[in-house]
Structure formats: C-alpha cells, structure tokens
C-alpha cells in the first residue's frame, strides 16, 4: 500500500519538474551540489535529462550547477577492455581529424596551384615548348616554382598602382581650385562658384574589392594577356613575347581607363550642388 503523506512533513522539491516527494514516493532523489532550500534536491531522472540537454551528446563534458556553480560528479559503469580500446581509438581519431582535414585542404590547394602553374606555363610559352621546358627542368624547381605562379599573380593584383596616379592628378586639380579661391578672396570678389574643400588625405575613395574579384582577376590574367597579345602583336614570332606584350598592354589600358573613371568621379563630387527645397502650393 502506498504511504500516506503526513501534512506536517516537509517534502523534497524538484527544481526541474517542480514535483514534490508526495507526488511520487518511488522516484529517486539526489543532492548533487552545495545548494540548500528548494534547489537542494532534484529527481535523478530529471537531472539526467537536464545533463543530456547541456552536454548535447558529449558525455565527457563537465557540467556545473547553474545556481551555486558546483561541478557535478558523474561516474560511469566499468566497461570491458574492448569497449575501452574502441573508446581510445575514437578519442584519437577525434583529436587527429582537424589536423588531417587541414592537411587535406593544404594539399588540395598546393596541387591545384601546381596544376595551374603548369597550365599557365604551357599557355604563355606554347603547349609543346612548355612541356619540353617542364620535362627538362629540375623536379624540385617545378614543385617550388609552379605553385608560386598563382601566388605572384594574386600579390600583383593587390598592387593598385592606378591609385597613386589618381592621387597626383587629384592633388593637381585640387591645387588649381585652391588658387582660384585665393585669387577671388584677394581681389575682394565675394561672388563666384563655391568649390567644396576635399581633404588631401581622402582624395581617393579607395575601393574595397572582395576576395573573389581579386582572386578571379589574378588567375584569369594569363589568359587575357595571351588573348590581347594575339590580337595586338601578331607579328611577334614568339608566343612568350606576344603574351608579355599583351599583358603589359592590358594593364596599361585598364589602368588608364580606371584613372580616368576615378578622376571623373572626383570632379563630379567636387562640382556637386545642393538644390532648393521644392515649394508646395499653398505654403
């Protein structure tokens, strides 16, 4: 027969499910921390479910009481030697997997760079001559030199030499505007167009190119240089000379267009005007 609850007895109270000892006398209770009062006791089953939610599948993770901060002491039953051996293997694989993943990624990037370098050499100097050069070259030199080709292209793409030319051009334009304002003030003329002052250190609105654009532009540059060389320098007998001249021509044409575009943006910014507020009917 179930025991009858004594109304004068102070029942234990579970702080997870809010049940008391009087609700179920067969439930197992535990006091796992230094808490006292209403948070001292908790059902063993409720604590197990709470630990599962906190650990999220990691049974080896330490869990502490959210009230007093005491770390719970958790014991596991002893398993056989086979289970212990498998557990050690699982731990070793879990620790080594991040390093293995990094090694695979680095190896993939390296061999991709080697392949890209070999294709670039055949594209620049010609297919047959490129194969001949790589077959005659030292293998160590190929393993070090071929992956360096995309790295050099990306680093070269990150050098924005056009910005320096734009800076010089804008400083010259800005100095002429300052001279005009000085002459107007010196002659005592109060009327005239107002030229907004642009700080010298911020004359260039620097572009923040995304990584994808820089990477794609650098890796596609040999193909563009080869194409421009075939279009503009057909008289050159060597494919290498055509590609070099095509790359130089492409860089110069692109740089000139970029400098012109940035300078026009600067002039548009300097010559901006603020319009009157449109009057409404009845105002």
Protein backbone atom coordinates (compact mmCIF):
# COMPACT_ATOMS: atom_id res chain seq x y z
CA UNK A 1 0.00 0.00 0.00
CA UNK A 2 1.30 3.48 -0.77
CA UNK A 3 2.32 5.58 2.15
CA UNK A 4 0.07 8.42 3.11
CA UNK A 5 1.60 11.84 3.16
CA UNK A 6 1.95 13.46 6.54
CA UNK A 7 0.73 17.07 6.26
CA UNK A 8 3.36 18.15 8.80
CA UNK A 9 6.27 16.68 6.75
CA UNK A 10 8.36 18.98 4.55
CA UNK A 11 8.58 17.23 1.16
CA UNK A 12 11.53 17.43 -1.18
CA UNK A 13 11.02 19.70 -4.15
CA UNK A 14 12.48 19.09 -7.67
CA UNK A 15 13.58 22.37 -9.28
CA UNK A 16 13.22 20.89 -12.78
CA UNK A 17 9.74 19.38 -12.88
CA UNK A 18 8.50 21.19 -9.70
CA UNK A 19 7.18 17.88 -8.29
CA UNK A 20 7.42 17.05 -4.60
CA UNK A 21 8.16 13.87 -2.75
CA UNK A 22 4.49 13.49 -2.02
CA UNK A 23 3.67 13.20 -5.70
CA UNK A 24 5.73 10.03 -6.20
CA UNK A 25 7.41 8.16 -3.35
CA UNK A 26 9.22 5.77 -5.72
CA UNK A 27 11.22 8.49 -7.53
CA UNK A 28 14.97 8.55 -6.82
CA UNK A 29 16.29 11.82 -5.41
CA UNK A 30 19.80 13.28 -5.46
CA UNK A 31 21.51 16.34 -3.98
CA UNK A 32 24.44 16.92 -6.41
CA UNK A 33 25.68 20.36 -5.28
CA UNK A 34 26.00 22.80 -2.37
CA UNK A 35 22.57 24.34 -2.90
CA UNK A 36 20.17 24.44 0.02
CA UNK A 37 16.48 25.01 0.37
CA UNK A 38 14.18 24.49 -2.60
CA UNK A 39 17.07 23.89 -5.06
CA UNK A 40 18.87 21.28 -2.98
CA UNK A 41 17.04 18.22 -4.28
CA UNK A 42 16.29 17.02 -7.79
CA UNK A 43 14.98 13.84 -9.35
CA UNK A 44 17.71 11.58 -10.72
CA UNK A 45 15.78 11.20 -13.97
CA UNK A 46 15.20 14.95 -14.28
CA UNK A 47 18.89 15.60 -13.71
CA UNK A 48 19.77 13.02 -16.36
CA UNK A 49 17.55 14.73 -18.94
CA UNK A 50 18.92 18.14 -17.94
CA UNK A 51 22.51 16.88 -18.36
CA UNK A 52 21.71 15.49 -21.80
CA UNK A 53 20.43 18.87 -22.90
CA UNK A 54 23.51 20.66 -21.56
CA UNK A 55 26.10 18.21 -22.84
CA UNK A 56 24.43 17.82 -26.28
CA UNK A 57 25.82 14.36 -26.89
CA UNK A 58 29.25 15.00 -25.34
CA UNK A 59 29.10 12.76 -22.30
CA UNK A 60 32.63 13.73 -21.24
CA UNK A 61 31.88 17.42 -20.91
CA UNK A 62 31.81 18.87 -17.41
CA UNK A 63 28.52 20.36 -16.20
CA UNK A 64 28.08 22.64 -13.19
CA UNK A 65 25.10 23.68 -11.16
CA UNK A 66 23.51 26.85 -12.59
CA UNK A 67 22.87 28.17 -9.06
CA UNK A 68 25.99 27.60 -6.98
CA UNK A 69 28.46 26.66 -9.75
CA UNK A 70 29.41 23.29 -8.22
CA UNK A 71 30.63 20.80 -10.81
CA UNK A 72 28.59 17.62 -10.83
CA UNK A 73 30.46 14.40 -10.09
CA UNK A 74 29.41 11.88 -12.74
CA UNK A 75 30.51 8.24 -12.67
CA UNK A 76 30.15 5.65 -15.40
CA UNK A 77 29.97 1.87 -15.04
CA UNK A 78 33.10 -0.07 -15.87
CA UNK A 79 33.13 -1.45 -19.38
CA UNK A 80 35.09 -4.30 -20.93
CA UNK A 81 38.62 -3.98 -22.42
CA UNK A 82 37.24 -3.99 -25.96
CA UNK A 83 34.96 -1.02 -25.26
CA UNK A 84 37.86 0.81 -23.59
CA UNK A 85 40.09 0.14 -26.62
CA UNK A 86 37.43 1.38 -29.04
CA UNK A 87 36.91 4.45 -26.88
CA UNK A 88 40.62 5.30 -27.03
CA UNK A 89 40.60 4.91 -30.81
CA UNK A 90 37.58 7.18 -31.08
CA UNK A 91 39.30 9.84 -28.96
CA UNK A 92 42.49 9.62 -31.03
CA UNK A 93 40.55 9.98 -34.29
CA UNK A 94 38.60 12.94 -32.90
CA UNK A 95 41.83 14.72 -31.96
CA UNK A 96 43.62 13.94 -35.23
CA UNK A 97 40.73 14.70 -37.59
CA UNK A 98 41.14 18.53 -37.52
CA UNK A 99 44.83 18.26 -38.40
CA UNK A 100 44.07 15.71 -41.11
CA UNK A 101 41.40 17.99 -42.56
CA UNK A 102 43.84 20.92 -42.64
CA UNK A 103 46.43 18.73 -44.32
CA UNK A 104 43.94 17.61 -46.98
CA UNK A 105 42.89 21.21 -47.68
CA UNK A 106 46.50 22.42 -47.87
CA UNK A 107 47.45 19.51 -50.13
CA UNK A 108 44.50 20.18 -52.41
CA UNK A 109 45.35 23.87 -52.69
CA UNK A 110 49.02 23.07 -53.31
CA UNK A 111 48.44 20.57 -56.10
CA UNK A 112 45.79 22.85 -57.61
CA UNK A 113 48.42 25.60 -57.65
CA UNK A 114 50.93 23.24 -59.27
CA UNK A 115 48.41 22.31 -61.96
CA UNK A 116 47.51 25.94 -62.57
CA UNK A 117 51.20 26.85 -62.82
CA UNK A 118 51.83 24.10 -65.37
CA UNK A 119 48.83 25.16 -67.47
CA UNK A 120 49.98 28.80 -67.30
CA UNK A 121 53.49 27.88 -68.50
CA UNK A 122 52.06 25.98 -71.49
CA UNK A 123 49.70 28.86 -72.22
CA UNK A 124 52.41 31.52 -72.09
CA UNK A 125 55.25 29.82 -73.98
CA UNK A 126 53.19 27.38 -76.03
CA UNK A 127 51.96 23.85 -75.44
CA UNK A 128 54.85 21.89 -76.95
CA UNK A 129 57.57 24.21 -75.71
CA UNK A 130 56.01 24.36 -72.25
CA UNK A 131 56.00 20.56 -71.97
CA UNK A 132 59.60 20.45 -73.20
CA UNK A 133 60.72 23.05 -70.65
CA UNK A 134 58.98 21.32 -67.74
CA UNK A 135 60.36 17.91 -68.75
CA UNK A 136 63.90 19.30 -68.80
CA UNK A 137 63.58 21.29 -65.59
CA UNK A 138 64.59 20.10 -62.14
CA UNK A 139 61.62 18.41 -60.34
CA UNK A 140 62.35 20.32 -57.14
CA UNK A 141 62.30 23.58 -59.07
CA UNK A 142 58.93 22.66 -60.59
CA UNK A 143 57.47 21.73 -57.21
CA UNK A 144 58.56 25.10 -55.84
CA UNK A 145 58.16 27.31 -58.89
CA UNK A 146 54.84 26.18 -60.36
CA UNK A 147 52.72 26.83 -57.23
CA UNK A 148 54.47 30.22 -56.87
CA UNK A 149 52.92 31.41 -60.16
CA UNK A 150 49.35 31.91 -58.82
CA UNK A 151 50.73 33.40 -55.61
CA UNK A 152 52.71 36.01 -57.56
CA UNK A 153 49.68 36.80 -59.72
CA UNK A 154 47.45 37.35 -56.67
CA UNK A 155 50.06 39.55 -54.97
CA UNK A 156 50.49 41.57 -58.15
CA UNK A 157 46.73 42.03 -58.40
CA UNK A 158 46.72 43.55 -54.92
CA UNK A 159 49.05 46.38 -56.00
CA UNK A 160 46.80 49.25 -57.10
CA UNK A 161 49.31 51.45 -58.91
CA UNK A 162 46.49 53.41 -60.52
CA UNK A 163 45.61 54.94 -57.15
CA UNK A 164 48.95 56.75 -56.96
CA UNK A 165 48.41 58.33 -60.37
CA UNK A 166 44.88 59.32 -59.40
CA UNK A 167 46.21 60.87 -56.18
CA UNK A 168 48.71 63.02 -58.09
CA UNK A 169 46.06 64.07 -60.59
CA UNK A 170 43.57 64.98 -57.88
CA UNK A 171 46.16 66.96 -55.92
CA UNK A 172 46.92 68.98 -59.05
CA UNK A 173 43.19 69.61 -59.66
CA UNK A 174 42.66 70.49 -56.02
CA UNK A 175 45.61 72.91 -56.01
CA UNK A 176 44.20 74.76 -59.03
CA UNK A 177 40.85 75.10 -57.28
CA UNK A 178 42.54 76.46 -54.14
CA UNK A 179 44.43 79.02 -56.25
CA UNK A 180 41.16 80.16 -57.81
CA UNK A 181 39.53 80.67 -54.42
CA UNK A 182 42.60 82.56 -53.15
CA UNK A 183 42.51 84.89 -56.15
CA UNK A 184 38.82 85.59 -55.63
CA UNK A 185 39.36 86.47 -51.98
CA UNK A 186 42.48 88.53 -52.69
CA UNK A 187 40.72 90.60 -55.37
CA UNK A 188 37.85 91.31 -53.00
CA UNK A 189 35.30 89.48 -55.11
CA UNK A 190 32.70 87.86 -52.92
CA UNK A 191 30.69 86.24 -55.66
CA UNK A 192 31.67 83.22 -57.67
CA UNK A 193 31.28 79.46 -57.67
CA UNK A 194 31.94 77.73 -54.39
CA UNK A 195 34.34 74.82 -54.61
CA UNK A 196 33.88 72.35 -51.77
CA UNK A 197 37.05 71.57 -49.89
CA UNK A 198 38.10 67.95 -50.14
CA UNK A 199 40.76 66.85 -47.62
CA UNK A 200 44.01 65.91 -49.27
CA UNK A 201 44.32 62.63 -47.39
CA UNK A 202 40.91 61.48 -48.59
CA UNK A 203 41.00 62.44 -52.22
CA UNK A 204 40.72 58.85 -53.33
CA UNK A 205 37.70 56.81 -52.48
CA UNK A 206 39.53 53.56 -52.11
CA UNK A 207 37.82 50.50 -53.46
CA UNK A 208 37.47 47.53 -51.16
CA UNK A 209 37.42 44.70 -53.67
CA UNK A 210 36.11 41.40 -52.43
CA UNK A 211 38.48 38.47 -52.26
CA UNK A 212 36.66 36.64 -55.03
CA UNK A 213 37.13 39.51 -57.50
CA UNK A 214 40.83 39.86 -56.73
CA UNK A 215 41.41 36.11 -56.94
CA UNK A 216 39.50 35.68 -60.20
CA UNK A 217 41.16 38.71 -61.77
CA UNK A 218 44.62 37.42 -60.88
CA UNK A 219 44.06 33.86 -62.08
CA UNK A 220 42.45 34.88 -65.37
CA UNK A 221 45.18 37.42 -66.17
CA UNK A 222 47.46 34.99 -68.15
CA UNK A 223 44.53 34.07 -70.41
CA UNK A 224 43.69 37.73 -71.01
CA UNK A 225 47.34 38.58 -71.66
CA UNK A 226 47.61 35.75 -74.19
CA UNK A 227 44.41 36.85 -75.93
CA UNK A 228 45.43 40.53 -76.10
CA UNK A 229 48.88 39.51 -77.36
CA UNK A 230 47.37 37.50 -80.21
CA UNK A 231 45.11 40.38 -81.19
CA UNK A 232 47.62 43.25 -81.00
CA UNK A 233 51.01 41.66 -81.58
CA UNK A 234 50.51 39.04 -84.24
CA UNK A 235 53.81 39.92 -85.91
CA UNK A 236 55.78 38.63 -82.93
CA UNK A 237 57.14 35.14 -83.70
CA UNK A 238 57.38 34.00 -80.08
CA UNK A 239 54.30 33.18 -78.07
CA UNK A 240 56.11 34.29 -74.90
CA UNK A 241 56.81 37.75 -76.35
CA UNK A 242 53.20 38.12 -77.51
CA UNK A 243 51.90 37.19 -74.07
CA UNK A 244 54.25 39.56 -72.24
CA UNK A 245 53.43 42.47 -74.53
CA UNK A 246 49.72 41.62 -74.35
CA UNK A 247 49.84 41.63 -70.55
CA UNK A 248 51.62 44.99 -70.48
CA UNK A 249 49.15 46.48 -72.95
CA UNK A 250 46.17 45.16 -70.99
CA UNK A 251 47.50 46.55 -67.71
CA UNK A 252 48.18 49.97 -69.23
CA UNK A 253 44.80 50.21 -70.99
CA UNK A 254 42.92 49.07 -67.93
CA UNK A 255 44.90 51.42 -65.68
CA UNK A 256 44.27 54.41 -67.95
CA UNK A 257 40.53 53.74 -68.01
CA UNK A 258 40.48 53.30 -64.25
CA UNK A 259 42.40 56.54 -63.66
CA UNK A 260 40.05 58.44 -65.97
CA UNK A 261 36.97 56.96 -64.30
CA UNK A 262 38.17 57.81 -60.80
CA UNK A 263 39.14 61.34 -61.81
CA UNK A 264 35.70 61.94 -63.32
CA UNK A 265 34.10 60.67 -60.11
CA UNK A 266 36.24 63.13 -58.15
CA UNK A 267 35.30 66.05 -60.43
CA UNK A 268 31.64 65.13 -60.11
CA UNK A 269 31.98 65.12 -56.32
CA UNK A 270 33.72 68.50 -56.25
CA UNK A 271 31.17 70.14 -58.55
CA UNK A 272 28.09 68.89 -56.75
CA UNK A 273 25.31 71.36 -55.89
CA UNK A 274 22.57 71.46 -53.31
CA UNK A 275 19.17 72.27 -54.78
CA UNK A 276 16.43 74.41 -53.29
CA UNK A 277 13.65 72.69 -51.47
CA UNK A 278 10.65 72.47 -53.85
CA UNK A 279 7.92 74.84 -52.72
CA UNK A 280 4.47 73.41 -52.21
CA UNK A 281 1.23 75.00 -53.31
CA UNK A 282 -0.41 76.95 -50.53
CA UNK A 283 2.77 77.48 -48.48
